[in-house]
Amino acid sequence: MLAVGAPLLALWLLCSEFFDPIWMTLPDTVFAVILTFGIPLSPRSRFSMLFVLSLGMGFGFIMNPRMTALVMPVLMNLALSLTFLLTLKPPEVPLITRLAQRVRNQRPLPLELQAYTQRLTECWGVLLILLALNGLYWALSGEVTLAMLFANTLNFFIMASFFVCELFYRRIRFRHLTPSSPIEVLRVMRRDGLNVTKHD
């Protein structure tokens, strides 16, 4: 419900003209910081990244607050893409592979599913980078309304469409295997949160 309601609420606020759309970057800023804790990094590397990010944000808000605010959704997507892509580096387990194992109660995945979930992890990482680049384009163009429309509404529907299309493709390609329920996948994600990104 929240996954559908939040983008629609953001769209309504954007169209209502109750306030400056730039304020809609505030939740993106919060999520960007939270998502950094899901990136598979050592505590020291994570601290260094947060320190540099904090300095950059502070300097940016002093020099050009509106542009810095518009970059926050870009950072959110980049943080999420790193959460996927850095799990491809050994000894990490690809994020989608890890999620699939949790859905199957830690039972080993068939080899064909291991390869598929690794490629799917790559695809999610690339998709999020593309969304970040799109957001950066609109931010540099100064198109606040379009930047916020993508960041808070359209990006969610793009990701939902990718999720649904992949689900149907997987059902067809691996029809000889017992499929995982998308409800079960969402339940595991809700239950484990950022712990999904941690290697068991």
C-alpha atoms as a PDB file:
ATOM      1  CA  MET A   1       0.000   0.000   0.000  1.00  0.00           C
ATOM      2  CA  LEU A   2       2.805   2.410   0.929  1.00  0.00           C
ATOM      3  CA  ALA A   3       4.686   1.575  -2.281  1.00  0.00           C
ATOM      4  CA  VAL A   4       1.675   2.757  -4.296  1.00  0.00           C
ATOM      5  CA  GLY A   5       0.444   5.486  -1.974  1.00  0.00           C
ATOM      6  CA  ALA A   6       3.747   7.346  -1.560  1.00  0.00           C
ATOM      7  CA  PRO A   7       4.334   8.020  -5.310  1.00  0.00           C
ATOM      8  CA  LEU A   8       0.694   9.039  -5.776  1.00  0.00           C
ATOM      9  CA  LEU A   9       0.857  11.350  -2.761  1.00  0.00           C
ATOM     10  CA  ALA A  10       4.052  12.872  -4.158  1.00  0.00           C
ATOM     11  CA  LEU A  11       2.332  13.410  -7.510  1.00  0.00           C
ATOM     12  CA  TRP A  12      -0.642  15.078  -5.817  1.00  0.00           C
ATOM     13  CA  LEU A  13       1.640  17.374  -3.814  1.00  0.00           C
ATOM     14  CA  LEU A  14       3.579  18.228  -6.962  1.00  0.00           C
ATOM     15  CA  CYS A  15       0.393  19.194  -8.801  1.00  0.00           C
ATOM     16  CA  SER A  16      -1.206  20.977  -5.856  1.00  0.00           C
ATOM     17  CA  GLU A  17       1.336  23.836  -5.755  1.00  0.00           C
ATOM     18  CA  PHE A  18       0.983  23.994  -1.967  1.00  0.00           C
ATOM     19  CA  PHE A  19       4.701  24.539  -1.569  1.00  0.00           C
ATOM     20  CA  ASP A  20       7.993  24.718  -3.433  1.00  0.00           C
ATOM     21  CA  PRO A  21       8.644  21.278  -5.032  1.00  0.00           C
ATOM     22  CA  ILE A  22      12.265  21.514  -3.885  1.00  0.00           C
ATOM     23  CA  TRP A  23      11.098  20.423  -0.415  1.00  0.00           C
ATOM     24  CA  MET A  24      10.193  17.051  -1.881  1.00  0.00           C
ATOM     25  CA  THR A  25      13.909  16.256  -1.933  1.00  0.00           C
ATOM     26  CA  LEU A  26      13.880  16.018   1.875  1.00  0.00           C
ATOM     27  CA  PRO A  27      12.699  12.375   2.070  1.00  0.00           C
ATOM     28  CA  ASP A  28      15.160  11.497  -0.708  1.00  0.00           C
ATOM     29  CA  THR A  29      17.967  12.958   1.408  1.00  0.00           C
ATOM     30  CA  VAL A  30      16.902  10.861   4.401  1.00  0.00           C
ATOM     31  CA  PHE A  31      16.657   7.694   2.291  1.00  0.00           C
ATOM     32  CA  ALA A  32      20.055   8.373   0.693  1.00  0.00           C
ATOM     33  CA  VAL A  33      21.684   8.448   4.130  1.00  0.00           C
ATOM     34  CA  ILE A  34      19.797   5.349   5.329  1.00  0.00           C
ATOM     35  CA  LEU A  35      20.674   3.396   2.184  1.00  0.00           C
ATOM     36  CA  THR A  36      24.389   3.958   2.732  1.00  0.00           C
ATOM     37  CA  PHE A  37      24.116   1.536   5.658  1.00  0.00           C
ATOM     38  CA  GLY A  38      23.008  -1.177   3.244  1.00  0.00           C
ATOM     39  CA  ILE A  39      26.060  -0.785   1.001  1.00  0.00           C
ATOM     40  CA  PRO A  40      28.422  -3.727   1.632  1.00  0.00           C
ATOM     41  CA  LEU A  41      31.399  -1.754   2.936  1.00  0.00           C
ATOM     42  CA  SER A  42      33.670  -2.053   5.930  1.00  0.00           C
ATOM     43  CA  PRO A  43      32.719   0.218   8.860  1.00  0.00           C
ATOM     44  CA  ARG A  44      35.760   2.383   8.172  1.00  0.00           C
ATOM     45  CA  SER A  45      34.911   2.788   4.477  1.00  0.00           C
ATOM     46  CA  ARG A  46      31.284   3.557   5.313  1.00  0.00           C
ATOM     47  CA  PHE A  47      32.345   6.198   7.846  1.00  0.00           C
ATOM     48  CA  SER A  48      34.700   7.783   5.311  1.00  0.00           C
ATOM     49  CA  MET A  49      31.963   7.839   2.671  1.00  0.00           C
ATOM     50  CA  LEU A  50      29.447   9.409   5.060  1.00  0.00           C
ATOM     51  CA  PHE A  51      32.035  11.966   6.186  1.00  0.00           C
ATOM     52  CA  VAL A  52      32.845  13.023   2.620  1.00  0.00           C
ATOM     53  CA  LEU A  53      29.144  13.034   1.724  1.00  0.00           C
ATOM     54  CA  SER A  54      28.346  15.235   4.725  1.00  0.00           C
ATOM     55  CA  LEU A  55      31.101  17.695   3.827  1.00  0.00           C
ATOM     56  CA  GLY A  56      29.950  17.813   0.214  1.00  0.00           C
ATOM     57  CA  MET A  57      26.328  18.347   1.193  1.00  0.00           C
ATOM     58  CA  GLY A  58      27.244  21.053   3.689  1.00  0.00           C
ATOM     59  CA  PHE A  59      29.403  22.893   1.174  1.00  0.00           C
ATOM     60  CA  GLY A  60      26.770  22.454  -1.528  1.00  0.00           C
ATOM     61  CA  PHE A  61      23.942  23.830   0.598  1.00  0.00           C
ATOM     62  CA  ILE A  62      26.068  26.894   1.361  1.00  0.00           C
ATOM     63  CA  MET A  63      27.084  27.542  -2.259  1.00  0.00           C
ATOM     64  CA  ASN A  64      23.973  26.436  -4.179  1.00  0.00           C
ATOM     65  CA  PRO A  65      21.218  25.024  -1.947  1.00  0.00           C
ATOM     66  CA  ARG A  66      18.663  24.389  -4.695  1.00  0.00           C
ATOM     67  CA  MET A  67      21.059  22.477  -6.932  1.00  0.00           C
ATOM     68  CA  THR A  68      22.333  20.468  -3.964  1.00  0.00           C
ATOM     69  CA  ALA A  69      18.772  19.577  -2.997  1.00  0.00           C
ATOM     70  CA  LEU A  70      18.060  18.414  -6.551  1.00  0.00           C
ATOM     71  CA  VAL A  71      21.094  16.128  -6.429  1.00  0.00           C
ATOM     72  CA  MET A  72      19.763  14.266  -3.357  1.00  0.00           C
ATOM     73  CA  PRO A  73      17.498  11.919  -5.375  1.00  0.00           C
ATOM     74  CA  VAL A  74      20.494  11.175  -7.603  1.00  0.00           C
ATOM     75  CA  LEU A  75      22.555  10.185  -4.563  1.00  0.00           C
ATOM     76  CA  MET A  76      19.686   8.025  -3.315  1.00  0.00           C
ATOM     77  CA  ASN A  77      19.627   6.031  -6.568  1.00  0.00           C
ATOM     78  CA  LEU A  78      23.421   5.770  -6.631  1.00  0.00           C
ATOM     79  CA  ALA A  79      23.457   4.460  -3.054  1.00  0.00           C
ATOM     80  CA  LEU A  80      20.839   1.880  -3.967  1.00  0.00           C
ATOM     81  CA  SER A  81      22.739   0.864  -7.115  1.00  0.00           C
ATOM     82  CA  LEU A  82      25.920   0.359  -5.077  1.00  0.00           C
ATOM     83  CA  THR A  83      23.939  -1.836  -2.694  1.00  0.00           C
ATOM     84  CA  PHE A  84      23.294  -4.143  -5.652  1.00  0.00           C
ATOM     85  CA  LEU A  85      26.532  -3.868  -7.616  1.00  0.00           C
ATOM     86  CA  LEU A  86      29.020  -4.200  -4.764  1.00  0.00           C
ATOM     87  CA  THR A  87      27.494  -7.555  -3.800  1.00  0.00           C
ATOM     88  CA  LEU A  88      28.775  -8.879  -7.140  1.00  0.00           C
ATOM     89  CA  LYS A  89      32.330  -8.660  -5.833  1.00  0.00           C
ATOM     90  CA  PRO A  90      33.635 -11.840  -4.111  1.00  0.00           C
ATOM     91  CA  PRO A  91      33.354 -12.949  -1.358  1.00  0.00           C
ATOM     92  CA  GLU A  92      29.948 -11.255  -1.341  1.00  0.00           C
ATOM     93  CA  VAL A  93      26.876 -13.075  -2.622  1.00  0.00           C
ATOM     94  CA  PRO A  94      24.839 -11.202  -5.277  1.00  0.00           C
ATOM     95  CA  LEU A  95      21.953  -9.417  -3.599  1.00  0.00           C
ATOM     96  CA  ILE A  96      19.165 -11.093  -5.591  1.00  0.00           C
ATOM     97  CA  THR A  97      20.807 -14.495  -5.050  1.00  0.00           C
ATOM     98  CA  ARG A  98      20.858 -13.817  -1.314  1.00  0.00           C
ATOM     99  CA  LEU A  99      17.221 -12.734  -1.356  1.00  0.00           C
ATOM    100  CA  ALA A 100      16.211 -15.852  -3.300  1.00  0.00           C
ATOM    101  CA  GLN A 101      18.014 -18.054  -0.778  1.00  0.00           C
ATOM    102  CA  ARG A 102      16.145 -16.408   2.090  1.00  0.00           C
ATOM    103  CA  VAL A 103      12.833 -16.901   0.315  1.00  0.00           C
ATOM    104  CA  ARG A 104      13.743 -20.596  -0.063  1.00  0.00           C
ATOM    105  CA  ASN A 105      14.698 -20.819   3.644  1.00  0.00           C
ATOM    106  CA  GLN A 106      18.428 -20.943   2.839  1.00  0.00           C
ATOM    107  CA  ARG A 107      18.088 -23.967   0.570  1.00  0.00           C
ATOM    108  CA  PRO A 108      20.741 -24.021  -2.198  1.00  0.00           C
ATOM    109  CA  LEU A 109      19.632 -22.555  -5.505  1.00  0.00           C
ATOM    110  CA  PRO A 110      19.872 -24.588  -8.723  1.00  0.00           C
ATOM    111  CA  LEU A 111      22.917 -23.548 -10.742  1.00  0.00           C
ATOM    112  CA  GLU A 112      20.779 -21.977 -13.457  1.00  0.00           C
ATOM    113  CA  LEU A 113      19.035 -19.809 -10.859  1.00  0.00           C
ATOM    114  CA  GLN A 114      22.351 -18.788  -9.326  1.00  0.00           C
ATOM    115  CA  ALA A 115      23.541 -17.474 -12.696  1.00  0.00           C
ATOM    116  CA  TYR A 116      20.181 -15.822 -13.390  1.00  0.00           C
ATOM    117  CA  THR A 117      19.974 -14.061 -10.020  1.00  0.00           C
ATOM    118  CA  GLN A 118      23.514 -12.762 -10.474  1.00  0.00           C
ATOM    119  CA  ARG A 119      22.598 -11.243 -13.845  1.00  0.00           C
ATOM    120  CA  LEU A 120      19.392  -9.856 -12.353  1.00  0.00           C
ATOM    121  CA  THR A 121      21.432  -8.164  -9.625  1.00  0.00           C
ATOM    122  CA  GLU A 122      23.518  -6.547 -12.373  1.00  0.00           C
ATOM    123  CA  CYS A 123      20.363  -5.408 -14.199  1.00  0.00           C
ATOM    124  CA  TRP A 124      18.920  -3.760 -11.094  1.00  0.00           C
ATOM    125  CA  GLY A 125      22.202  -1.971 -10.465  1.00  0.00           C
ATOM    126  CA  VAL A 126      22.350  -0.674 -14.046  1.00  0.00           C
ATOM    127  CA  LEU A 127      18.683   0.398 -13.976  1.00  0.00           C
ATOM    128  CA  LEU A 128      19.287   2.446 -10.826  1.00  0.00           C
ATOM    129  CA  ILE A 129      22.341   4.097 -12.382  1.00  0.00           C
ATOM    130  CA  LEU A 130      20.228   5.054 -15.402  1.00  0.00           C
ATOM    131  CA  LEU A 131      17.589   6.539 -13.094  1.00  0.00           C
ATOM    132  CA  ALA A 132      20.332   8.478 -11.310  1.00  0.00           C
ATOM    133  CA  LEU A 133      21.690   9.829 -14.607  1.00  0.00           C
ATOM    134  CA  ASN A 134      18.190  10.841 -15.666  1.00  0.00           C
ATOM    135  CA  GLY A 135      17.738  12.677 -12.374  1.00  0.00           C
ATOM    136  CA  LEU A 136      21.098  14.380 -12.785  1.00  0.00           C
ATOM    137  CA  TYR A 137      20.104  15.549 -16.267  1.00  0.00           C
ATOM    138  CA  TRP A 138      16.919  17.198 -15.011  1.00  0.00           C
ATOM    139  CA  ALA A 139      18.737  18.658 -12.008  1.00  0.00           C
ATOM    140  CA  LEU A 140      21.407  20.267 -14.207  1.00  0.00           C
ATOM    141  CA  SER A 141      18.664  21.497 -16.543  1.00  0.00           C
ATOM    142  CA  GLY A 142      17.046  23.311 -13.640  1.00  0.00           C
ATOM    143  CA  GLU A 143      13.732  21.537 -14.270  1.00  0.00           C
ATOM    144  CA  VAL A 144      12.639  21.199 -10.648  1.00  0.00           C
ATOM    145  CA  THR A 145       9.145  19.904 -11.430  1.00  0.00           C
ATOM    146  CA  LEU A 146      10.367  17.200 -13.823  1.00  0.00           C
ATOM    147  CA  ALA A 147      13.210  16.247 -11.493  1.00  0.00           C
ATOM    148  CA  MET A 148      10.742  15.762  -8.628  1.00  0.00           C
ATOM    149  CA  LEU A 149       8.226  13.997 -10.880  1.00  0.00           C
ATOM    150  CA  PHE A 150      10.800  11.349 -11.769  1.00  0.00           C
ATOM    151  CA  ALA A 151      12.381  11.146  -8.312  1.00  0.00           C
ATOM    152  CA  ASN A 152       9.182  10.733  -6.325  1.00  0.00           C
ATOM    153  CA  THR A 153       6.680   9.194  -8.753  1.00  0.00           C
ATOM    154  CA  LEU A 154       7.827   7.967 -12.176  1.00  0.00           C
ATOM    155  CA  ASN A 155      10.946   6.161 -10.928  1.00  0.00           C
ATOM    156  CA  PHE A 156       8.791   4.041  -8.618  1.00  0.00           C
ATOM    157  CA  PHE A 157       6.520   3.014 -11.486  1.00  0.00           C
ATOM    158  CA  ILE A 158       9.528   2.300 -13.724  1.00  0.00           C
ATOM    159  CA  MET A 159      10.970  -0.011 -11.066  1.00  0.00           C
ATOM    160  CA  ALA A 160       7.569  -1.620 -10.452  1.00  0.00           C
ATOM    161  CA  SER A 161       7.190  -2.261 -14.197  1.00  0.00           C
ATOM    162  CA  PHE A 162      10.648  -3.828 -14.327  1.00  0.00           C
ATOM    163  CA  PHE A 163       9.774  -6.006 -11.313  1.00  0.00           C
ATOM    164  CA  VAL A 164       6.516  -7.234 -12.895  1.00  0.00           C
ATOM    165  CA  CYS A 165       8.044  -7.845 -16.354  1.00  0.00           C
ATOM    166  CA  GLU A 166      10.926  -9.781 -14.817  1.00  0.00           C
ATOM    167  CA  LEU A 167       8.470 -11.837 -12.784  1.00  0.00           C
ATOM    168  CA  PHE A 168       6.539 -12.914 -15.899  1.00  0.00           C
ATOM    169  CA  TYR A 169       9.763 -13.601 -17.807  1.00  0.00           C
ATOM    170  CA  ARG A 170      11.083 -15.736 -14.942  1.00  0.00           C
ATOM    171  CA  ARG A 171       7.824 -17.699 -14.721  1.00  0.00           C
ATOM    172  CA  ILE A 172       8.114 -18.565 -18.417  1.00  0.00           C
ATOM    173  CA  ARG A 173      11.845 -19.257 -18.513  1.00  0.00           C
ATOM    174  CA  PHE A 174      11.913 -21.365 -15.333  1.00  0.00           C
ATOM    175  CA  ARG A 175       8.469 -22.925 -15.621  1.00  0.00           C
ATOM    176  CA  HIS A 176      10.029 -26.310 -14.801  1.00  0.00           C
ATOM    177  CA  LEU A 177      10.945 -25.013 -11.324  1.00  0.00           C
ATOM    178  CA  THR A 178       8.649 -24.228  -8.409  1.00  0.00           C
ATOM    179  CA  PRO A 179       8.141 -20.454  -8.582  1.00  0.00           C
ATOM    180  CA  SER A 180       8.570 -18.152  -5.608  1.00  0.00           C
ATOM    181  CA  SER A 181       5.581 -16.045  -4.707  1.00  0.00           C
ATOM    182  CA  PRO A 182       6.183 -12.293  -5.165  1.00  0.00           C
ATOM    183  CA  ILE A 183       4.275 -11.834  -1.904  1.00  0.00           C
ATOM    184  CA  GLU A 184       6.844 -14.030  -0.161  1.00  0.00           C
ATOM    185  CA  VAL A 185       9.671 -11.989  -1.703  1.00  0.00           C
ATOM    186  CA  LEU A 186       8.120  -8.755  -0.443  1.00  0.00           C
ATOM    187  CA  ARG A 187       7.527 -10.351   2.969  1.00  0.00           C
ATOM    188  CA  VAL A 188      11.208 -11.270   3.293  1.00  0.00           C
ATOM    189  CA  MET A 189      12.260  -7.766   2.203  1.00  0.00           C
ATOM    190  CA  ARG A 190       9.898  -6.222   4.745  1.00  0.00           C
ATOM    191  CA  ARG A 191      11.055  -8.595   7.493  1.00  0.00           C
ATOM    192  CA  ASP A 192      14.800  -8.306   6.940  1.00  0.00           C
ATOM    193  CA  GLY A 193      15.087  -4.739   5.635  1.00  0.00           C
ATOM    194  CA  LEU A 194      18.725  -3.717   5.178  1.00  0.00           C
ATOM    195  CA  ASN A 195      19.796  -7.075   6.665  1.00  0.00           C
ATOM    196  CA  VAL A 196      19.079  -8.572   3.229  1.00  0.00           C
ATOM    197  CA  THR A 197      22.278  -6.883   2.064  1.00  0.00           C
ATOM    198  CA  LYS A 198      24.357  -8.641   4.714  1.00  0.00           C
ATOM    199  CA  HIS A 199      26.063 -11.918   3.928  1.00  0.00           C
ATOM    200  CA  ASP A 200      24.758 -14.747   6.118  1.00  0.00           C
END
